[in-house]
Amino acid sequence: MSVRDAAEVSRSALQAAKVVLSPVEASRYLNPPADSAFPLEYAFHLLGDVRSKRVLDLGCGSGEEIIPLARRGALVTGIDISEDLILLASRRIKLEGVQADVRIGSAYSTGLPDAWVDVVFCMGLIHHLDIPLAMAEMRRVLKPDGFIIYERACQV
């Protein structure tokens, strides 16, 4: 594990310790408007119809985005580098009564097969990564007609 990844695991453990699982307000992400001023709502709008499509929630954290993805009918795989956050995501999935696969993994090496997912959904993670390495892995697991939705940090 790289120094950068180890630091991220430590940061994530601190984040996980503060998480209190509560019901996810998924309704606003099920059919958000195209003109939403909220970045996460707009990202869910961009998804379109994901029923029966494989969606990778890369950097899934405690699983908050997994719930609306699953409720929209996606076949969700959540990957995060933090074991602590994956444990929380697993608990959240059970509490919310949805189906999803979550696993520990790196954005640089997900362990998923080539051309396996229809969509890579990556919110609030990319600024923590070596972007060229992460994008190469996203392209590797993405089907030829698939797409990536990510939120990038920017300075104003």
C-alpha atoms as a PDB file:
ATOM      1  CA  MET A   1       0.000   0.000   0.000  1.00  0.00           C
ATOM      2  CA  SER A   2       1.351   3.412  -0.934  1.00  0.00           C
ATOM      3  CA  VAL A   3       1.907   6.162   1.612  1.00  0.00           C
ATOM      4  CA  ARG A   4      -0.947   8.093   0.014  1.00  0.00           C
ATOM      5  CA  ASP A   5      -3.306   5.098   0.282  1.00  0.00           C
ATOM      6  CA  ALA A   6      -2.292   4.465   3.907  1.00  0.00           C
ATOM      7  CA  ALA A   7      -3.063   8.089   4.732  1.00  0.00           C
ATOM      8  CA  GLU A   8      -6.455   7.725   3.055  1.00  0.00           C
ATOM      9  CA  VAL A   9      -7.232   4.577   5.062  1.00  0.00           C
ATOM     10  CA  SER A  10      -6.349   6.456   8.270  1.00  0.00           C
ATOM     11  CA  ARG A  11      -8.477   9.451   7.259  1.00  0.00           C
ATOM     12  CA  SER A  12     -11.360   7.126   6.383  1.00  0.00           C
ATOM     13  CA  ALA A  13     -11.137   5.333   9.739  1.00  0.00           C
ATOM     14  CA  LEU A  14     -11.557   8.677  11.506  1.00  0.00           C
ATOM     15  CA  GLN A  15     -14.508   9.489   9.245  1.00  0.00           C
ATOM     16  CA  ALA A  16     -16.099   6.075   9.862  1.00  0.00           C
ATOM     17  CA  ALA A  17     -15.855   6.509  13.631  1.00  0.00           C
ATOM     18  CA  LYS A  18     -18.077   9.610  13.360  1.00  0.00           C
ATOM     19  CA  VAL A  19     -20.771   8.062  11.159  1.00  0.00           C
ATOM     20  CA  VAL A  20     -24.161   7.446  12.714  1.00  0.00           C
ATOM     21  CA  LEU A  21     -26.244   5.298  10.402  1.00  0.00           C
ATOM     22  CA  SER A  22     -29.611   6.850   9.700  1.00  0.00           C
ATOM     23  CA  PRO A  23     -32.137   6.302   6.929  1.00  0.00           C
ATOM     24  CA  VAL A  24     -30.997   7.621   3.555  1.00  0.00           C
ATOM     25  CA  GLU A  25     -33.289  10.214   1.974  1.00  0.00           C
ATOM     26  CA  ALA A  26     -33.226   8.571  -1.438  1.00  0.00           C
ATOM     27  CA  SER A  27     -36.382  10.061  -2.964  1.00  0.00           C
ATOM     28  CA  ARG A  28     -34.659  13.224  -4.188  1.00  0.00           C
ATOM     29  CA  TYR A  29     -32.214  11.081  -6.206  1.00  0.00           C
ATOM     30  CA  LEU A  30     -34.742   8.784  -7.860  1.00  0.00           C
ATOM     31  CA  ASN A  31     -35.831  11.250 -10.562  1.00  0.00           C
ATOM     32  CA  PRO A  32     -34.034  14.576 -10.042  1.00  0.00           C
ATOM     33  CA  PRO A  33     -34.588  17.475 -12.451  1.00  0.00           C
ATOM     34  CA  ALA A  34     -32.064  18.383 -15.135  1.00  0.00           C
ATOM     35  CA  ASP A  35     -31.835  21.917 -13.763  1.00  0.00           C
ATOM     36  CA  SER A  36     -31.009  20.923 -10.183  1.00  0.00           C
ATOM     37  CA  ALA A  37     -28.588  23.284  -8.478  1.00  0.00           C
ATOM     38  CA  PHE A  38     -27.359  20.422  -6.293  1.00  0.00           C
ATOM     39  CA  PRO A  39     -24.328  18.572  -7.720  1.00  0.00           C
ATOM     40  CA  LEU A  40     -25.281  15.158  -6.354  1.00  0.00           C
ATOM     41  CA  GLU A  41     -28.859  15.453  -7.625  1.00  0.00           C
ATOM     42  CA  TYR A  42     -27.505  16.469 -11.028  1.00  0.00           C
ATOM     43  CA  ALA A  43     -25.131  13.477 -11.031  1.00  0.00           C
ATOM     44  CA  PHE A  44     -28.110  11.198 -10.403  1.00  0.00           C
ATOM     45  CA  HIS A  45     -29.989  12.947 -13.209  1.00  0.00           C
ATOM     46  CA  LEU A  46     -27.098  12.184 -15.584  1.00  0.00           C
ATOM     47  CA  LEU A  47     -27.375   8.472 -14.806  1.00  0.00           C
ATOM     48  CA  GLY A  48     -30.611   8.103 -16.705  1.00  0.00           C
ATOM     49  CA  ASP A  49     -32.236   4.673 -16.597  1.00  0.00           C
ATOM     50  CA  VAL A  50     -29.904   2.283 -14.788  1.00  0.00           C
ATOM     51  CA  ARG A  51     -32.371  -0.556 -14.275  1.00  0.00           C
ATOM     52  CA  SER A  52     -30.490  -3.859 -14.552  1.00  0.00           C
ATOM     53  CA  LYS A  53     -27.233  -2.065 -15.379  1.00  0.00           C
ATOM     54  CA  ARG A  54     -24.018  -2.688 -13.474  1.00  0.00           C
ATOM     55  CA  VAL A  55     -23.011   0.458 -11.623  1.00  0.00           C
ATOM     56  CA  LEU A  56     -19.714   0.738  -9.778  1.00  0.00           C
ATOM     57  CA  ASP A  57     -19.886   3.175  -6.867  1.00  0.00           C
ATOM     58  CA  LEU A  58     -16.161   3.846  -6.651  1.00  0.00           C
ATOM     59  CA  GLY A  59     -15.205   5.245  -3.269  1.00  0.00           C
ATOM     60  CA  CYS A  60     -18.595   4.253  -1.884  1.00  0.00           C
ATOM     61  CA  GLY A  61     -17.700   5.226   1.672  1.00  0.00           C
ATOM     62  CA  SER A  62     -20.474   4.317   4.101  1.00  0.00           C
ATOM     63  CA  GLY A  63     -22.851   3.531   1.244  1.00  0.00           C
ATOM     64  CA  GLU A  64     -25.124   6.560   1.122  1.00  0.00           C
ATOM     65  CA  GLU A  65     -25.218   6.690  -2.701  1.00  0.00           C
ATOM     66  CA  ILE A  66     -25.609   2.909  -2.959  1.00  0.00           C
ATOM     67  CA  ILE A  67     -29.160   3.146  -1.609  1.00  0.00           C
ATOM     68  CA  PRO A  68     -30.654   5.388  -4.336  1.00  0.00           C
ATOM     69  CA  LEU A  69     -28.626   3.560  -6.999  1.00  0.00           C
ATOM     70  CA  ALA A  70     -30.121   0.245  -5.877  1.00  0.00           C
ATOM     71  CA  ARG A  71     -33.616   1.750  -5.570  1.00  0.00           C
ATOM     72  CA  ARG A  72     -33.310   2.921  -9.170  1.00  0.00           C
ATOM     73  CA  GLY A  73     -32.803  -0.716 -10.139  1.00  0.00           C
ATOM     74  CA  ALA A  74     -29.033  -0.737 -10.664  1.00  0.00           C
ATOM     75  CA  LEU A  75     -26.892  -3.770  -9.925  1.00  0.00           C
ATOM     76  CA  VAL A  76     -24.529  -1.955  -7.584  1.00  0.00           C
ATOM     77  CA  THR A  77     -20.990  -2.815  -6.613  1.00  0.00           C
ATOM     78  CA  GLY A  78     -19.459  -0.466  -4.064  1.00  0.00           C
ATOM     79  CA  ILE A  79     -15.713  -0.335  -3.576  1.00  0.00           C
ATOM     80  CA  ASP A  80     -13.796   1.609  -0.977  1.00  0.00           C
ATOM     81  CA  ILE A  81     -10.246   1.360   0.342  1.00  0.00           C
ATOM     82  CA  SER A  82     -11.455   1.585   3.937  1.00  0.00           C
ATOM     83  CA  GLU A  83     -12.519  -1.600   5.695  1.00  0.00           C
ATOM     84  CA  ASP A  84     -14.252   0.531   8.345  1.00  0.00           C
ATOM     85  CA  LEU A  85     -16.385   2.313   5.737  1.00  0.00           C
ATOM     86  CA  ILE A  86     -17.186  -0.937   3.914  1.00  0.00           C
ATOM     87  CA  LEU A  87     -18.456  -2.410   7.192  1.00  0.00           C
ATOM     88  CA  LEU A  88     -20.731   0.623   7.597  1.00  0.00           C
ATOM     89  CA  ALA A  89     -21.909   0.316   3.982  1.00  0.00           C
ATOM     90  CA  SER A  90     -22.773  -3.352   4.572  1.00  0.00           C
ATOM     91  CA  ARG A  91     -24.800  -2.440   7.648  1.00  0.00           C
ATOM     92  CA  ARG A  92     -26.544   0.387   5.778  1.00  0.00           C
ATOM     93  CA  ILE A  93     -27.500  -1.926   2.900  1.00  0.00           C
ATOM     94  CA  LYS A  94     -29.065  -4.394   5.338  1.00  0.00           C
ATOM     95  CA  LEU A  95     -30.893  -1.645   7.250  1.00  0.00           C
ATOM     96  CA  GLU A  96     -32.278  -0.173   4.015  1.00  0.00           C
ATOM     97  CA  GLY A  97     -33.293  -3.577   2.637  1.00  0.00           C
ATOM     98  CA  VAL A  98     -31.571  -3.257  -0.738  1.00  0.00           C
ATOM     99  CA  GLN A  99     -29.248  -5.553  -2.667  1.00  0.00           C
ATOM    100  CA  ALA A 100     -25.679  -4.488  -3.405  1.00  0.00           C
ATOM    101  CA  ASP A 101     -22.191  -5.937  -3.308  1.00  0.00           C
ATOM    102  CA  VAL A 102     -19.591  -3.997  -1.339  1.00  0.00           C
ATOM    103  CA  ARG A 103     -15.936  -4.801  -1.070  1.00  0.00           C
ATOM    104  CA  ILE A 104     -12.614  -3.400  -0.015  1.00  0.00           C
ATOM    105  CA  GLY A 105     -10.547  -2.308  -2.961  1.00  0.00           C
ATOM    106  CA  SER A 106      -8.443   0.402  -4.497  1.00  0.00           C
ATOM    107  CA  ALA A 107      -9.453   2.893  -7.160  1.00  0.00           C
ATOM    108  CA  TYR A 108      -6.252   1.835  -8.931  1.00  0.00           C
ATOM    109  CA  SER A 109      -6.975  -1.893  -8.826  1.00  0.00           C
ATOM    110  CA  THR A 110     -10.631  -2.760  -8.232  1.00  0.00           C
ATOM    111  CA  GLY A 111     -10.315  -6.475  -8.886  1.00  0.00           C
ATOM    112  CA  LEU A 112     -13.272  -6.286 -11.273  1.00  0.00           C
ATOM    113  CA  PRO A 113     -13.176  -7.914 -14.719  1.00  0.00           C
ATOM    114  CA  ASP A 114     -12.374  -5.909 -17.852  1.00  0.00           C
ATOM    115  CA  ALA A 115     -15.365  -4.192 -19.504  1.00  0.00           C
ATOM    116  CA  TRP A 116     -17.708  -5.309 -16.721  1.00  0.00           C
ATOM    117  CA  VAL A 117     -19.634  -2.190 -15.623  1.00  0.00           C
ATOM    118  CA  ASP A 118     -22.045   0.031 -17.501  1.00  0.00           C
ATOM    119  CA  VAL A 119     -21.454   3.075 -15.296  1.00  0.00           C
ATOM    120  CA  VAL A 120     -18.742   4.218 -12.926  1.00  0.00           C
ATOM    121  CA  PHE A 121     -20.242   6.574 -10.330  1.00  0.00           C
ATOM    122  CA  CYS A 122     -17.504   8.369  -8.409  1.00  0.00           C
ATOM    123  CA  MET A 123     -18.614  11.136  -6.047  1.00  0.00           C
ATOM    124  CA  GLY A 124     -16.327  12.994  -3.675  1.00  0.00           C
ATOM    125  CA  LEU A 125     -13.291  10.807  -4.312  1.00  0.00           C
ATOM    126  CA  ILE A 126     -11.331  11.897  -7.368  1.00  0.00           C
ATOM    127  CA  HIS A 127      -9.502  14.731  -5.576  1.00  0.00           C
ATOM    128  CA  HIS A 128      -7.972  12.146  -3.207  1.00  0.00           C
ATOM    129  CA  LEU A 129      -6.472  10.134  -6.070  1.00  0.00           C
ATOM    130  CA  ASP A 130      -3.704   9.988  -8.610  1.00  0.00           C
ATOM    131  CA  ILE A 131      -6.206  10.869 -11.329  1.00  0.00           C
ATOM    132  CA  PRO A 132      -4.469   9.283 -14.355  1.00  0.00           C
ATOM    133  CA  LEU A 133      -4.076   5.963 -12.500  1.00  0.00           C
ATOM    134  CA  ALA A 134      -7.684   5.973 -11.283  1.00  0.00           C
ATOM    135  CA  MET A 135      -9.054   6.935 -14.700  1.00  0.00           C
ATOM    136  CA  ALA A 136      -7.101   4.092 -16.312  1.00  0.00           C
ATOM    137  CA  GLU A 137      -8.756   1.617 -13.933  1.00  0.00           C
ATOM    138  CA  MET A 138     -12.188   3.155 -14.534  1.00  0.00           C
ATOM    139  CA  ARG A 139     -11.725   2.820 -18.305  1.00  0.00           C
ATOM    140  CA  ARG A 140     -10.515  -0.770 -17.896  1.00  0.00           C
ATOM    141  CA  VAL A 141     -13.637  -1.938 -16.011  1.00  0.00           C
ATOM    142  CA  LEU A 142     -16.049   0.109 -18.133  1.00  0.00           C
ATOM    143  CA  LYS A 143     -17.921  -1.476 -21.035  1.00  0.00           C
ATOM    144  CA  PRO A 144     -17.207   0.155 -24.426  1.00  0.00           C
ATOM    145  CA  ASP A 145     -20.611   1.889 -24.441  1.00  0.00           C
ATOM    146  CA  GLY A 146     -20.476   2.771 -20.728  1.00  0.00           C
ATOM    147  CA  PHE A 147     -19.840   6.113 -19.082  1.00  0.00           C
ATOM    148  CA  ILE A 148     -18.281   7.677 -16.010  1.00  0.00           C
ATOM    149  CA  ILE A 149     -19.933  10.221 -13.756  1.00  0.00           C
ATOM    150  CA  TYR A 150     -17.582  11.850 -11.303  1.00  0.00           C
ATOM    151  CA  GLU A 151     -17.446  14.915  -9.161  1.00  0.00           C
ATOM    152  CA  ARG A 152     -14.192  16.762  -9.201  1.00  0.00           C
ATOM    153  CA  ALA A 153     -12.951  19.270  -6.715  1.00  0.00           C
ATOM    154  CA  CYS A 154     -12.122  22.652  -8.176  1.00  0.00           C
ATOM    155  CA  GLN A 155     -10.785  25.919  -6.898  1.00  0.00           C
ATOM    156  CA  VAL A 156     -12.674  29.127  -7.404  1.00  0.00           C
END
